[in-house]
Amino acid sequence: MFKFKSILVIALAVCASSAWAQLAPKSELVGGYTYTSLDEGVGSRLGANGWNTGGTFFMNNWLGVEANIAGASNSQSQSVVSGLTTASVSVSDKHYTFVFGPRVQFGHGRTNPFVHGLFGFDRMSLSGSSSITGVGTVSVSGTDNAFASALGGGVEYGVSKHVGVITSADYLMTRHLSATQNNLRVSAGLSFRFGSGWGGSKF
């Protein structure tokens, strides 16, 4: 009797798990590489490498709520040697972007194009230092938080039912120091998908 009850409990648990997997809304987590073309003003642009991560919870087969966090940075340095004296200058520009908003996805098989409109803020950190041999080093730094929006989209390709490759491109607008920066951002990475609705037998 005890053995029969144990088998019955296990069978019910398996059935419940299967039913939940079929009923649970689909969602995903993503992570990967990001390249950002930063608008430095007066026609000048700066390339920044970094990372991005986030996730999307889908309310149905096509509409979801997406959150994204990304970091991008650019560091440069220059040294000039004259006799026994060396003068060095280094600067660093870092951005951390936190945005969220609606995502609309098309397709239900391996290939799923999407568009999104994400809104939040960007944290900019600037730092610089200069040094001269025998004189010393001077360093300065500052931060600024500003409104940010990422408007764009991309394509997700399912490698399997729960793993995919995702690429995206965005117009990333920020408002640092009361000015508008028209940045461009492209990303590529992996998606890890949960719940039902990811193509089923099509994979």
Protein backbone atom coordinates (compact mmCIF):
# COMPACT_ATOMS: atom_id res chain seq x y z
CA MET A 1 0.00 0.00 0.00
CA PHE A 2 2.78 2.44 0.94
CA LYS A 3 4.58 1.69 -2.33
CA PHE A 4 1.38 2.30 -4.29
CA LYS A 5 0.79 5.65 -2.53
CA SER A 6 4.38 6.71 -3.24
CA ILE A 7 4.01 5.91 -6.93
CA LEU A 8 0.68 7.77 -7.01
CA VAL A 9 2.20 10.90 -5.41
CA ILE A 10 5.13 10.89 -7.85
CA ALA A 11 2.78 10.45 -10.82
CA LEU A 12 0.60 13.36 -9.66
CA ALA A 13 3.68 15.56 -9.20
CA VAL A 14 4.89 14.77 -12.71
CA CYS A 15 1.46 15.52 -14.16
CA ALA A 16 1.24 18.80 -12.24
CA SER A 17 4.70 19.86 -13.43
CA SER A 18 3.79 19.02 -17.02
CA ALA A 19 0.53 20.96 -16.76
CA TRP A 20 2.33 23.98 -15.27
CA ALA A 21 4.89 23.92 -18.09
CA GLN A 22 2.01 24.00 -20.59
CA LEU A 23 0.09 26.78 -18.81
CA ALA A 24 2.93 29.01 -17.60
CA PRO A 25 3.43 32.17 -19.67
CA LYS A 26 6.66 32.27 -21.63
CA SER A 27 9.56 34.39 -20.42
CA GLU A 28 13.26 34.71 -21.13
CA LEU A 29 16.59 35.93 -19.81
CA VAL A 30 19.27 37.33 -22.14
CA GLY A 31 22.92 38.29 -21.94
CA GLY A 32 25.64 39.25 -24.37
CA TYR A 33 27.90 41.84 -25.99
CA THR A 34 27.00 45.46 -26.76
CA TYR A 35 28.67 48.06 -28.96
CA THR A 36 27.55 51.67 -28.57
CA SER A 37 28.35 54.62 -30.81
CA LEU A 38 28.26 57.52 -28.34
CA ASP A 39 27.29 61.00 -29.47
CA GLU A 40 29.96 63.32 -28.04
CA GLY A 41 28.49 66.47 -29.59
CA VAL A 42 29.61 68.74 -32.50
CA GLY A 43 29.65 65.79 -34.89
CA SER A 44 32.03 63.70 -32.80
CA ARG A 45 31.32 60.04 -31.98
CA LEU A 46 33.04 57.61 -29.64
CA GLY A 47 32.93 53.81 -29.85
CA ALA A 48 32.27 51.97 -26.58
CA ASN A 49 32.33 48.22 -25.91
CA GLY A 50 30.36 46.55 -23.16
CA TRP A 51 27.70 44.07 -22.09
CA ASN A 52 23.95 43.80 -21.75
CA THR A 53 21.54 41.64 -19.80
CA GLY A 54 17.83 41.59 -19.07
CA GLY A 55 14.63 39.67 -19.42
CA THR A 56 11.13 39.67 -20.89
CA PHE A 57 7.87 38.40 -19.41
CA PHE A 58 5.25 37.71 -22.07
CA MET A 59 1.60 38.33 -21.26
CA ASN A 60 0.57 36.47 -24.42
CA ASN A 61 2.17 35.14 -27.62
CA TRP A 62 3.12 38.56 -28.94
CA LEU A 63 3.16 41.20 -26.15
CA GLY A 64 5.69 41.29 -23.33
CA VAL A 65 7.30 43.58 -20.78
CA GLU A 66 11.06 43.87 -21.22
CA ALA A 67 13.75 45.14 -18.84
CA ASN A 68 17.33 45.75 -19.97
CA ILE A 69 20.55 46.73 -18.23
CA ALA A 70 23.67 47.55 -20.24
CA GLY A 71 27.15 48.87 -19.61
CA ALA A 72 29.54 50.43 -22.13
CA SER A 73 32.90 52.12 -21.69
CA ASN A 74 35.73 53.73 -23.59
CA SER A 75 39.17 54.48 -22.16
CA GLN A 76 42.00 56.31 -23.88
CA SER A 77 45.49 57.35 -22.84
CA GLN A 78 48.37 59.25 -24.37
CA SER A 79 51.98 59.81 -23.29
CA VAL A 80 54.62 62.22 -24.53
CA VAL A 81 58.31 61.78 -23.68
CA SER A 82 60.77 64.65 -23.81
CA GLY A 83 64.21 63.88 -22.43
CA LEU A 84 63.78 62.62 -18.88
CA THR A 85 60.23 64.00 -18.59
CA THR A 86 57.08 62.03 -19.41
CA ALA A 87 53.64 63.64 -19.60
CA SER A 88 50.63 61.30 -19.60
CA VAL A 89 46.90 61.91 -20.01
CA SER A 90 44.10 59.33 -19.63
CA VAL A 91 40.32 59.67 -19.90
CA SER A 92 37.46 57.24 -19.32
CA ASP A 93 33.78 57.44 -20.32
CA LYS A 94 31.42 54.84 -18.83
CA HIS A 95 27.66 54.43 -19.26
CA TYR A 96 25.21 52.20 -17.40
CA THR A 97 21.73 52.15 -18.91
CA PHE A 98 18.58 50.91 -17.13
CA VAL A 99 15.46 50.80 -19.32
CA PHE A 100 12.17 48.90 -19.52
CA GLY A 101 8.98 48.92 -21.56
CA PRO A 102 6.78 47.00 -24.01
CA ARG A 103 8.06 44.47 -26.52
CA VAL A 104 6.04 43.18 -29.47
CA GLN A 105 7.17 39.88 -30.98
CA PHE A 106 6.21 38.35 -34.33
CA GLY A 107 6.39 34.67 -35.22
CA HIS A 108 6.06 31.52 -33.12
CA GLY A 109 8.73 29.21 -34.53
CA ARG A 110 12.50 29.36 -34.66
CA THR A 111 12.71 32.91 -36.04
CA ASN A 112 11.03 35.66 -34.02
CA PRO A 113 11.48 39.32 -35.09
CA PHE A 114 10.54 41.92 -32.48
CA VAL A 115 10.31 45.64 -31.80
CA HIS A 116 10.49 47.42 -28.45
CA GLY A 117 10.26 50.84 -26.82
CA LEU A 118 12.26 51.02 -23.59
CA PHE A 119 12.49 53.96 -21.18
CA GLY A 120 14.50 54.68 -18.06
CA PHE A 121 17.77 56.39 -17.24
CA ASP A 122 21.48 56.37 -18.08
CA ARG A 123 24.28 56.90 -15.58
CA MET A 124 27.36 58.51 -17.10
CA SER A 125 30.72 58.45 -15.31
CA LEU A 126 33.58 60.56 -16.61
CA SER A 127 37.09 60.52 -15.22
CA GLY A 128 40.46 61.82 -16.30
CA SER A 129 43.97 62.15 -15.00
CA SER A 130 47.22 63.78 -16.08
CA SER A 131 50.71 63.30 -14.73
CA ILE A 132 54.15 64.81 -15.34
CA THR A 133 57.34 63.18 -14.14
CA GLY A 134 58.68 65.01 -11.11
CA VAL A 135 55.57 67.20 -10.79
CA GLY A 136 52.71 64.89 -9.80
CA THR A 137 49.29 63.65 -10.87
CA VAL A 138 45.97 65.46 -11.11
CA SER A 139 42.70 63.49 -11.32
CA VAL A 140 39.10 64.60 -11.84
CA SER A 141 35.84 62.65 -12.08
CA GLY A 142 32.10 63.20 -12.18
CA THR A 143 28.78 61.44 -12.74
CA ASP A 144 25.42 62.42 -14.20
CA ASN A 145 22.08 60.60 -14.31
CA ALA A 146 19.74 61.39 -17.19
CA PHE A 147 16.62 60.20 -18.99
CA ALA A 148 17.22 57.51 -21.61
CA SER A 149 15.10 55.74 -24.22
CA ALA A 150 15.95 52.79 -26.48
CA LEU A 151 13.79 52.45 -29.60
CA GLY A 152 14.47 49.60 -31.98
CA GLY A 153 14.17 45.87 -32.38
CA GLY A 154 15.88 42.72 -33.50
CA VAL A 155 15.60 39.05 -34.31
CA GLU A 156 15.71 36.00 -32.07
CA TYR A 157 16.56 32.58 -33.52
CA GLY A 158 15.82 29.45 -31.52
CA VAL A 159 18.69 26.98 -31.40
CA SER A 160 16.49 24.74 -29.26
CA LYS A 161 13.18 25.16 -27.47
CA HIS A 162 14.84 26.85 -24.48
CA VAL A 163 18.02 28.40 -25.94
CA GLY A 164 18.24 31.04 -28.64
CA VAL A 165 20.54 33.56 -30.30
CA ILE A 166 19.36 37.17 -30.20
CA THR A 167 20.52 40.32 -32.01
CA SER A 168 19.16 43.84 -31.71
CA ALA A 169 19.79 47.45 -32.77
CA ASP A 170 18.54 50.58 -31.02
CA TYR A 171 18.46 54.31 -31.30
CA LEU A 172 19.55 55.18 -27.76
CA MET A 173 18.68 58.74 -26.77
CA THR A 174 20.03 60.30 -23.57
CA ARG A 175 19.68 63.79 -22.05
CA HIS A 176 22.92 64.46 -20.18
CA LEU A 177 23.78 68.00 -19.11
CA SER A 178 20.55 69.41 -20.61
CA ALA A 179 21.55 68.31 -24.12
CA THR A 180 20.35 65.45 -26.33
CA GLN A 181 22.75 62.65 -27.27
CA ASN A 182 21.77 60.57 -30.32
CA ASN A 183 23.53 57.29 -29.62
CA LEU A 184 23.35 54.04 -31.58
CA ARG A 185 23.57 50.61 -29.96
CA VAL A 186 23.86 47.07 -31.35
CA SER A 187 23.83 43.89 -29.27
CA ALA A 188 24.23 40.15 -29.73
CA GLY A 189 23.96 37.30 -27.24
CA LEU A 190 22.10 34.26 -25.98
CA SER A 191 18.55 33.92 -24.71
CA PHE A 192 17.40 31.36 -22.15
CA ARG A 193 13.69 30.72 -22.45
CA PHE A 194 11.14 29.35 -20.00
CA GLY A 195 7.48 28.36 -20.07
CA SER A 196 5.33 27.35 -23.01
CA GLY A 197 4.90 29.00 -26.39
CA TRP A 198 8.42 28.65 -27.79
CA GLY A 199 7.59 26.58 -30.84
CA GLY A 200 7.02 23.12 -29.36
CA SER A 201 7.48 20.42 -31.99
CA LYS A 202 8.86 22.95 -34.48
CA PHE A 203 12.26 22.56 -32.77
